[in-house]
C-alpha atoms as a PDB file:
ATOM      1  CA  MET A   1       0.000   0.000   0.000  1.00  0.00           C
ATOM      2  CA  ILE A   2       1.087   3.561  -0.745  1.00  0.00           C
ATOM      3  CA  ALA A   3      -0.189   5.923   1.949  1.00  0.00           C
ATOM      4  CA  LEU A   4      -0.450   9.703   1.933  1.00  0.00           C
ATOM      5  CA  HIS A   5      -0.355  11.761   5.123  1.00  0.00           C
ATOM      6  CA  HIS A   6      -1.560  15.350   4.626  1.00  0.00           C
ATOM      7  CA  ASP A   7      -0.656  18.377   6.654  1.00  0.00           C
ATOM      8  CA  ASN A   8      -4.067  19.967   7.061  1.00  0.00           C
ATOM      9  CA  SER A   9      -2.571  23.427   7.521  1.00  0.00           C
ATOM     10  CA  LEU A  10      -1.533  23.499   3.860  1.00  0.00           C
ATOM     11  CA  ASN A  11      -3.509  25.104   1.062  1.00  0.00           C
ATOM     12  CA  THR A  12      -6.233  22.712  -0.061  1.00  0.00           C
ATOM     13  CA  GLU A  13      -5.761  23.555  -3.739  1.00  0.00           C
ATOM     14  CA  TRP A  14      -2.032  22.779  -3.615  1.00  0.00           C
ATOM     15  CA  LEU A  15      -2.665  19.445  -1.903  1.00  0.00           C
ATOM     16  CA  LYS A  16      -4.188  18.158  -5.145  1.00  0.00           C
ATOM     17  CA  GLU A  17      -0.685  17.860  -6.616  1.00  0.00           C
ATOM     18  CA  PRO A  18       0.802  15.572  -3.932  1.00  0.00           C
ATOM     19  CA  LEU A  19      -2.435  13.564  -3.981  1.00  0.00           C
ATOM     20  CA  ALA A  20      -2.137  13.009  -7.740  1.00  0.00           C
ATOM     21  CA  PHE A  21       1.575  12.188  -7.312  1.00  0.00           C
ATOM     22  CA  ALA A  22       0.913   9.539  -4.657  1.00  0.00           C
ATOM     23  CA  GLN A  23      -2.070   8.037  -6.489  1.00  0.00           C
ATOM     24  CA  SER A  24      -0.115   7.786  -9.741  1.00  0.00           C
ATOM     25  CA  LEU A  25       2.834   6.204  -7.942  1.00  0.00           C
ATOM     26  CA  ALA A  26       0.569   3.605  -6.339  1.00  0.00           C
ATOM     27  CA  GLN A  27      -1.076   2.810  -9.665  1.00  0.00           C
ATOM     28  CA  SER A  28       2.284   2.416 -11.439  1.00  0.00           C
ATOM     29  CA  LEU A  29       3.639   0.156  -8.697  1.00  0.00           C
ATOM     30  CA  GLY A  30       0.460  -1.907  -8.606  1.00  0.00           C
ATOM     31  CA  LYS A  31      -0.267  -0.951  -5.009  1.00  0.00           C
ATOM     32  CA  GLU A  32      -3.423   0.062  -3.177  1.00  0.00           C
ATOM     33  CA  PHE A  33      -3.609   3.774  -2.349  1.00  0.00           C
ATOM     34  CA  ARG A  34      -5.015   5.242   0.829  1.00  0.00           C
ATOM     35  CA  GLN A  35      -4.999   8.669   2.452  1.00  0.00           C
ATOM     36  CA  PHE A  36      -4.458   8.636   6.206  1.00  0.00           C
ATOM     37  CA  ASP A  37      -4.963  11.128   9.004  1.00  0.00           C
ATOM     38  CA  PHE A  38      -2.910  10.048  12.002  1.00  0.00           C
ATOM     39  CA  GLU A  39      -0.642  11.576  14.623  1.00  0.00           C
ATOM     40  CA  LEU A  40       3.019  11.442  13.610  1.00  0.00           C
ATOM     41  CA  SER A  41       3.786   9.652  16.871  1.00  0.00           C
ATOM     42  CA  GLU A  42       1.658   6.767  15.556  1.00  0.00           C
ATOM     43  CA  THR A  43       3.653   6.353  12.316  1.00  0.00           C
ATOM     44  CA  ASP A  44       5.311   3.031  13.213  1.00  0.00           C
ATOM     45  CA  ASP A  45       2.058   1.470  14.413  1.00  0.00           C
ATOM     46  CA  VAL A  46       0.076   2.650  11.377  1.00  0.00           C
ATOM     47  CA  CYS A  47       2.665   1.261   8.963  1.00  0.00           C
ATOM     48  CA  SER A  48       2.690  -2.098  10.720  1.00  0.00           C
ATOM     49  CA  SER A  49      -1.056  -2.480  11.093  1.00  0.00           C
ATOM     50  CA  HIS A  50      -1.871  -1.496   7.504  1.00  0.00           C
ATOM     51  CA  ALA A  51       1.087  -3.158   5.737  1.00  0.00           C
ATOM     52  CA  ILE A  52       2.201   0.128   4.178  1.00  0.00           C
ATOM     53  CA  ASP A  53       4.986  -0.168   1.596  1.00  0.00           C
ATOM     54  CA  MET A  54       5.704   3.543   1.166  1.00  0.00           C
ATOM     55  CA  LEU A  55       4.616   6.736   2.929  1.00  0.00           C
ATOM     56  CA  VAL A  56       4.192  10.149   1.324  1.00  0.00           C
ATOM     57  CA  PHE A  57       4.120  13.187   3.619  1.00  0.00           C
ATOM     58  CA  THR A  58       3.219  16.802   2.933  1.00  0.00           C
ATOM     59  CA  CYS A  59       4.368  19.577   5.237  1.00  0.00           C
ATOM     60  CA  GLN A  60       5.354  23.206   5.418  1.00  0.00           C
ATOM     61  CA  ASN A  61       8.914  23.966   4.341  1.00  0.00           C
ATOM     62  CA  SER A  62      10.076  24.753   7.861  1.00  0.00           C
ATOM     63  CA  ASN A  63      12.714  23.204  10.092  1.00  0.00           C
ATOM     64  CA  ARG A  64      10.116  22.324  12.701  1.00  0.00           C
ATOM     65  CA  ASP A  65       7.615  20.597  10.421  1.00  0.00           C
ATOM     66  CA  ILE A  66      10.211  18.659   8.439  1.00  0.00           C
ATOM     67  CA  GLN A  67      12.030  17.541  11.579  1.00  0.00           C
ATOM     68  CA  ARG A  68       8.809  16.260  13.125  1.00  0.00           C
ATOM     69  CA  ILE A  69       8.387  13.904  10.166  1.00  0.00           C
ATOM     70  CA  LEU A  70      12.046  12.857  10.204  1.00  0.00           C
ATOM     71  CA  ASP A  71      11.818  12.051  13.913  1.00  0.00           C
ATOM     72  CA  ALA A  72       8.630  10.039  13.389  1.00  0.00           C
ATOM     73  CA  CYS A  73      10.250   8.005  10.590  1.00  0.00           C
ATOM     74  CA  ARG A  74      13.625   7.213  12.192  1.00  0.00           C
ATOM     75  CA  ASN A  75      12.796   3.523  12.689  1.00  0.00           C
ATOM     76  CA  LEU A  76      10.901   2.881   9.453  1.00  0.00           C
ATOM     77  CA  ARG A  77      12.077   0.073   7.197  1.00  0.00           C
ATOM     78  CA  ILE A  78      10.135   1.418   4.212  1.00  0.00           C
ATOM     79  CA  PRO A  79      10.811   4.368   1.879  1.00  0.00           C
ATOM     80  CA  TYR A  80       9.134   7.658   2.689  1.00  0.00           C
ATOM     81  CA  ILE A  81       8.728  10.789   0.587  1.00  0.00           C
ATOM     82  CA  ILE A  82       8.521  14.352   1.869  1.00  0.00           C
ATOM     83  CA  ILE A  83       6.861  17.067  -0.230  1.00  0.00           C
ATOM     84  CA  THR A  84       6.683  20.777   0.609  1.00  0.00           C
ATOM     85  CA  PRO A  85       4.839  23.633  -1.143  1.00  0.00           C
ATOM     86  CA  ASP A  86       8.184  24.973  -2.433  1.00  0.00           C
ATOM     87  CA  MET A  87       8.650  21.886  -4.603  1.00  0.00           C
ATOM     88  CA  GLU A  88       7.393  21.253  -8.115  1.00  0.00           C
ATOM     89  CA  VAL A  89       5.259  18.141  -7.823  1.00  0.00           C
ATOM     90  CA  LYS A  90       4.401  16.177 -10.964  1.00  0.00           C
ATOM     91  CA  THR A  91       3.595  12.514 -11.514  1.00  0.00           C
ATOM     92  CA  ILE A  92       6.454  10.247 -12.613  1.00  0.00           C
ATOM     93  CA  ASN A  93       5.926   9.206 -16.228  1.00  0.00           C
ATOM     94  CA  LYS A  94       7.927   7.490 -18.954  1.00  0.00           C
ATOM     95  CA  ASP A  95      11.474   8.886 -19.338  1.00  0.00           C
ATOM     96  CA  ASP A  96      11.133  11.244 -16.383  1.00  0.00           C
ATOM     97  CA  VAL A  97      14.328  11.588 -14.368  1.00  0.00           C
ATOM     98  CA  VAL A  98      14.968  10.172 -10.910  1.00  0.00           C
ATOM     99  CA  PHE A  99      18.176  11.539  -9.361  1.00  0.00           C
ATOM    100  CA  ILE A 100      20.159   9.148  -7.173  1.00  0.00           C
ATOM    101  CA  PRO A 101      23.324  10.563  -5.591  1.00  0.00           C
ATOM    102  CA  VAL A 102      25.748   7.805  -4.590  1.00  0.00           C
ATOM    103  CA  SER A 103      28.400   8.227  -1.902  1.00  0.00           C
ATOM    104  CA  MET A 104      31.034   5.950  -0.418  1.00  0.00           C
ATOM    105  CA  PHE A 105      28.799   4.684   2.383  1.00  0.00           C
ATOM    106  CA  GLU A 106      27.518   1.112   2.329  1.00  0.00           C
ATOM    107  CA  GLU A 107      23.865   2.089   2.844  1.00  0.00           C
ATOM    108  CA  GLU A 108      23.838   3.609  -0.639  1.00  0.00           C
ATOM    109  CA  LEU A 109      23.315   0.143  -2.101  1.00  0.00           C
ATOM    110  CA  SER A 110      19.715   0.108  -0.905  1.00  0.00           C
ATOM    111  CA  LYS A 111      19.016   2.838  -3.484  1.00  0.00           C
ATOM    112  CA  ALA A 112      19.309   0.191  -6.219  1.00  0.00           C
ATOM    113  CA  GLU A 113      15.923  -1.269  -5.259  1.00  0.00           C
ATOM    114  CA  ILE A 114      14.247   2.110  -5.699  1.00  0.00           C
ATOM    115  CA  ALA A 115      16.003   2.758  -9.006  1.00  0.00           C
ATOM    116  CA  THR A 116      14.902  -0.556 -10.468  1.00  0.00           C
ATOM    117  CA  ALA A 117      11.351  -0.403  -9.106  1.00  0.00           C
ATOM    118  CA  LEU A 118      10.733   3.063 -10.529  1.00  0.00           C
ATOM    119  CA  GLY A 119      12.479   2.169 -13.769  1.00  0.00           C
ATOM    120  CA  ARG A 120      10.447  -1.020 -14.263  1.00  0.00           C
ATOM    121  CA  PHE A 121       7.016   0.222 -13.243  1.00  0.00           C
ATOM    122  CA  CYS A 122       7.116   3.994 -13.803  1.00  0.00           C
ATOM    123  CA  LYS A 123       9.466   3.778 -16.823  1.00  0.00           C
ATOM    124  CA  SER A 124      11.666   6.464 -15.292  1.00  0.00           C
ATOM    125  CA  HIS A 125      15.234   7.294 -16.320  1.00  0.00           C
ATOM    126  CA  THR A 126      17.797   6.989 -13.514  1.00  0.00           C
ATOM    127  CA  ILE A 127      20.660   9.456 -13.213  1.00  0.00           C
ATOM    128  CA  LEU A 128      23.337   8.293 -10.770  1.00  0.00           C
ATOM    129  CA  ILE A 129      25.441  11.122  -9.330  1.00  0.00           C
ATOM    130  CA  GLN A 130      28.822   9.766  -8.234  1.00  0.00           C
ATOM    131  CA  ALA A 131      30.517  11.478  -5.294  1.00  0.00           C
ATOM    132  CA  ASN A 132      33.841  13.085  -6.139  1.00  0.00           C
ATOM    133  CA  ASP A 133      36.072  11.308  -3.626  1.00  0.00           C
ATOM    134  CA  TYR A 134      39.752  10.414  -3.564  1.00  0.00           C
ATOM    135  CA  GLY A 135      38.967   6.772  -2.846  1.00  0.00           C
ATOM    136  CA  THR A 136      37.046   4.261  -4.976  1.00  0.00           C
ATOM    137  CA  ARG A 137      34.207   3.228  -2.664  1.00  0.00           C
ATOM    138  CA  ALA A 138      31.645   5.539  -4.284  1.00  0.00           C
ATOM    139  CA  GLU A 139      32.682   4.230  -7.688  1.00  0.00           C
ATOM    140  CA  LYS A 140      32.267   0.650  -6.476  1.00  0.00           C
ATOM    141  CA  ASN A 141      28.810   1.435  -5.097  1.00  0.00           C
ATOM    142  CA  ILE A 142      27.873   2.926  -8.465  1.00  0.00           C
ATOM    143  CA  GLY A 143      29.073  -0.261 -10.140  1.00  0.00           C
ATOM    144  CA  LYS A 144      26.924  -2.483  -7.936  1.00  0.00           C
ATOM    145  CA  ILE A 145      23.821  -0.339  -8.419  1.00  0.00           C
ATOM    146  CA  ARG A 146      24.458  -0.211 -12.153  1.00  0.00           C
ATOM    147  CA  THR A 147      24.693  -4.024 -12.281  1.00  0.00           C
ATOM    148  CA  LEU A 148      21.154  -4.368 -10.958  1.00  0.00           C
ATOM    149  CA  ILE A 149      19.798  -1.634 -13.231  1.00  0.00           C
ATOM    150  CA  GLU A 150      21.384  -3.304 -16.267  1.00  0.00           C
ATOM    151  CA  LYS A 151      19.935  -6.665 -15.213  1.00  0.00           C
ATOM    152  CA  PHE A 152      16.501  -5.234 -16.000  1.00  0.00           C
ATOM    153  CA  ASP A 153      17.753  -3.398 -19.109  1.00  0.00           C
ATOM    154  CA  LEU A 154      16.661  -0.021 -17.722  1.00  0.00           C
ATOM    155  CA  PRO A 155      17.881   3.379 -18.972  1.00  0.00           C
ATOM    156  CA  TYR A 156      20.385   5.237 -16.813  1.00  0.00           C
ATOM    157  CA  ASP A 157      23.263   7.706 -16.927  1.00  0.00           C
ATOM    158  CA  ILE A 158      26.174   8.337 -14.593  1.00  0.00           C
ATOM    159  CA  ILE A 159      27.381  11.852 -13.788  1.00  0.00           C
ATOM    160  CA  LYS A 160      30.502  12.615 -11.769  1.00  0.00           C
ATOM    161  CA  GLY A 161      29.581  15.134  -9.097  1.00  0.00           C
ATOM    162  CA  HIS A 162      31.732  18.038  -7.939  1.00  0.00           C
ATOM    163  CA  LYS A 163      31.190  17.358  -4.230  1.00  0.00           C
ATOM    164  CA  ASN A 164      32.431  14.561  -1.993  1.00  0.00           C
ATOM    165  CA  SER A 165      30.398  11.865  -0.251  1.00  0.00           C
ATOM    166  CA  TYR A 166      29.314  14.214   2.527  1.00  0.00           C
ATOM    167  CA  LYS A 167      27.896  16.835   0.168  1.00  0.00           C
ATOM    168  CA  VAL A 168      26.873  15.030  -3.028  1.00  0.00           C
ATOM    169  CA  GLU A 169      23.228  14.700  -1.955  1.00  0.00           C
ATOM    170  CA  MET A 170      22.926  18.443  -1.368  1.00  0.00           C
ATOM    171  CA  GLU A 171      24.653  19.059  -4.699  1.00  0.00           C
ATOM    172  CA  THR A 172      22.071  16.854  -6.380  1.00  0.00           C
ATOM    173  CA  ALA A 173      19.190  18.702  -4.725  1.00  0.00           C
ATOM    174  CA  THR A 174      20.403  21.991  -6.182  1.00  0.00           C
ATOM    175  CA  MET A 175      21.567  20.845  -9.630  1.00  0.00           C
ATOM    176  CA  LEU A 176      18.262  20.928 -11.524  1.00  0.00           C
ATOM    177  CA  GLN A 177      19.587  22.489 -14.703  1.00  0.00           C
ATOM    178  CA  PRO A 178      17.503  23.154 -17.854  1.00  0.00           C
ATOM    179  CA  GLN A 179      18.393  19.781 -19.384  1.00  0.00           C
ATOM    180  CA  TYR A 180      16.709  18.086 -16.425  1.00  0.00           C
ATOM    181  CA  GLN A 181      13.349  19.828 -16.547  1.00  0.00           C
ATOM    182  CA  ASN A 182      11.646  16.423 -16.456  1.00  0.00           C
ATOM    183  CA  SER A 183      13.219  15.530 -13.101  1.00  0.00           C
ATOM    184  CA  LYS A 184      10.608  14.289 -10.632  1.00  0.00           C
ATOM    185  CA  LEU A 185      12.325  12.754  -7.592  1.00  0.00           C
ATOM    186  CA  ILE A 186      15.551  12.699  -5.576  1.00  0.00           C
ATOM    187  CA  VAL A 187      16.526   9.610  -3.577  1.00  0.00           C
ATOM    188  CA  ILE A 188      18.728  10.107  -0.505  1.00  0.00           C
ATOM    189  CA  SER A 189      19.779   8.188   2.589  1.00  0.00           C
ATOM    190  CA  ALA A 190      18.741   9.360   6.035  1.00  0.00           C
ATOM    191  CA  SER A 191      21.419   9.829   8.680  1.00  0.00           C
ATOM    192  CA  ARG A 192      22.570   6.705  10.506  1.00  0.00           C
ATOM    193  CA  ASP A 193      22.650   8.478  13.865  1.00  0.00           C
ATOM    194  CA  TYR A 194      22.279  12.076  14.971  1.00  0.00           C
ATOM    195  CA  GLY A 195      25.507  13.625  16.242  1.00  0.00           C
ATOM    196  CA  ILE A 196      25.780  16.794  18.281  1.00  0.00           C
ATOM    197  CA  ASP A 197      25.844  18.969  15.126  1.00  0.00           C
ATOM    198  CA  ASP A 198      22.681  17.290  13.853  1.00  0.00           C
ATOM    199  CA  LEU A 199      20.912  17.972  17.131  1.00  0.00           C
ATOM    200  CA  LEU A 200      22.031  21.603  17.188  1.00  0.00           C
ATOM    201  CA  PHE A 201      21.734  22.542  13.525  1.00  0.00           C
ATOM    202  CA  GLY A 202      19.600  19.789  12.031  1.00  0.00           C
ATOM    203  CA  PRO A 203      20.543  16.619  10.091  1.00  0.00           C
ATOM    204  CA  LYS A 204      21.725  16.843   6.505  1.00  0.00           C
ATOM    205  CA  GLU A 205      18.452  15.426   5.161  1.00  0.00           C
ATOM    206  CA  ARG A 206      16.468  18.309   6.649  1.00  0.00           C
ATOM    207  CA  HIS A 207      18.676  20.845   4.877  1.00  0.00           C
ATOM    208  CA  ILE A 208      18.399  18.893   1.617  1.00  0.00           C
ATOM    209  CA  ILE A 209      14.595  18.787   1.790  1.00  0.00           C
ATOM    210  CA  ARG A 210      14.421  22.529   2.453  1.00  0.00           C
ATOM    211  CA  LYS A 211      16.581  23.220  -0.632  1.00  0.00           C
ATOM    212  CA  ALA A 212      15.113  20.608  -2.992  1.00  0.00           C
ATOM    213  CA  ALA A 213      12.945  21.744  -5.892  1.00  0.00           C
ATOM    214  CA  ILE A 214      11.289  18.323  -6.321  1.00  0.00           C
ATOM    215  CA  PRO A 215      10.062  15.626  -3.881  1.00  0.00           C
ATOM    216  CA  VAL A 216      12.658  13.788  -1.812  1.00  0.00           C
ATOM    217  CA  LEU A 217      12.495  10.049  -1.098  1.00  0.00           C
ATOM    218  CA  LEU A 218      14.386   8.895   1.986  1.00  0.00           C
ATOM    219  CA  LEU A 219      15.743   5.488   2.927  1.00  0.00           C
ATOM    220  CA  ASN A 220      16.809   4.681   6.459  1.00  0.00           C
ATOM    221  CA  PRO A 221      20.130   2.800   6.701  1.00  0.00           C
ATOM    222  CA  ARG A 222      19.620  -0.933   7.185  1.00  0.00           C
ATOM    223  CA  GLY A 223      22.373  -3.350   8.094  1.00  0.00           C
ATOM    224  CA  ASP A 224      20.731  -6.301   6.356  1.00  0.00           C
ATOM    225  CA  LEU A 225      20.747  -4.905   2.811  1.00  0.00           C
ATOM    226  CA  TYR A 226      24.371  -4.189   2.081  1.00  0.00           C
ATOM    227  CA  SER A 227      25.478  -7.400   0.374  1.00  0.00           C
ATOM    228  CA  LEU A 228      23.877  -6.368  -2.932  1.00  0.00           C
ATOM    229  CA  CYS A 229      25.621  -7.799  -5.979  1.00  0.00           C
ATOM    230  CA  ASP A 230      28.658  -9.057  -4.033  1.00  0.00           C
END
């Protein structure tokens, strides 16, 4: 099931766009769609009791509102998408671009599942953004993700980013150049743990969401997924 959680403080007219986005995504993935109204503190229980496969949230583009969702989703083992009124929200159709920045960290491999699912069922075009590191771990992660994408004969491109593994996701969120006008989604990894800087100034994913011009899909790091294509 694909579930949509609305922020009722948002403009009703604008909410039609995230609703259409979530409904189209559910239809493409062959999933049931349902709109929910629940307290964010109940997120884990709602996902478990209704067998939700993906959550879509709408919220104001403010530190407070975004962080409330991030805190509620820290333990989720499913993808979740955050949409704010500052983003351009359009349904994902054939040949539309899904940006996937890839760093040196092992949790990046879980992004391959999203790339292939959207490529197979939404017919999207994946653009992998490789972190510009001195080492080769980001390049190896790209290679493993690419192996799975090629297994399904899906279209993709690889772009070498200008930023390193710690900043490539933010670079991706701000790189929507004219040639990527059909970009519809960015896929990032949530923080493993919150350090003191994250608690004081906010985690990197909150800053990315506030800057992003299109919806952001987040994946929580999971220790049981990192043997992909070994």
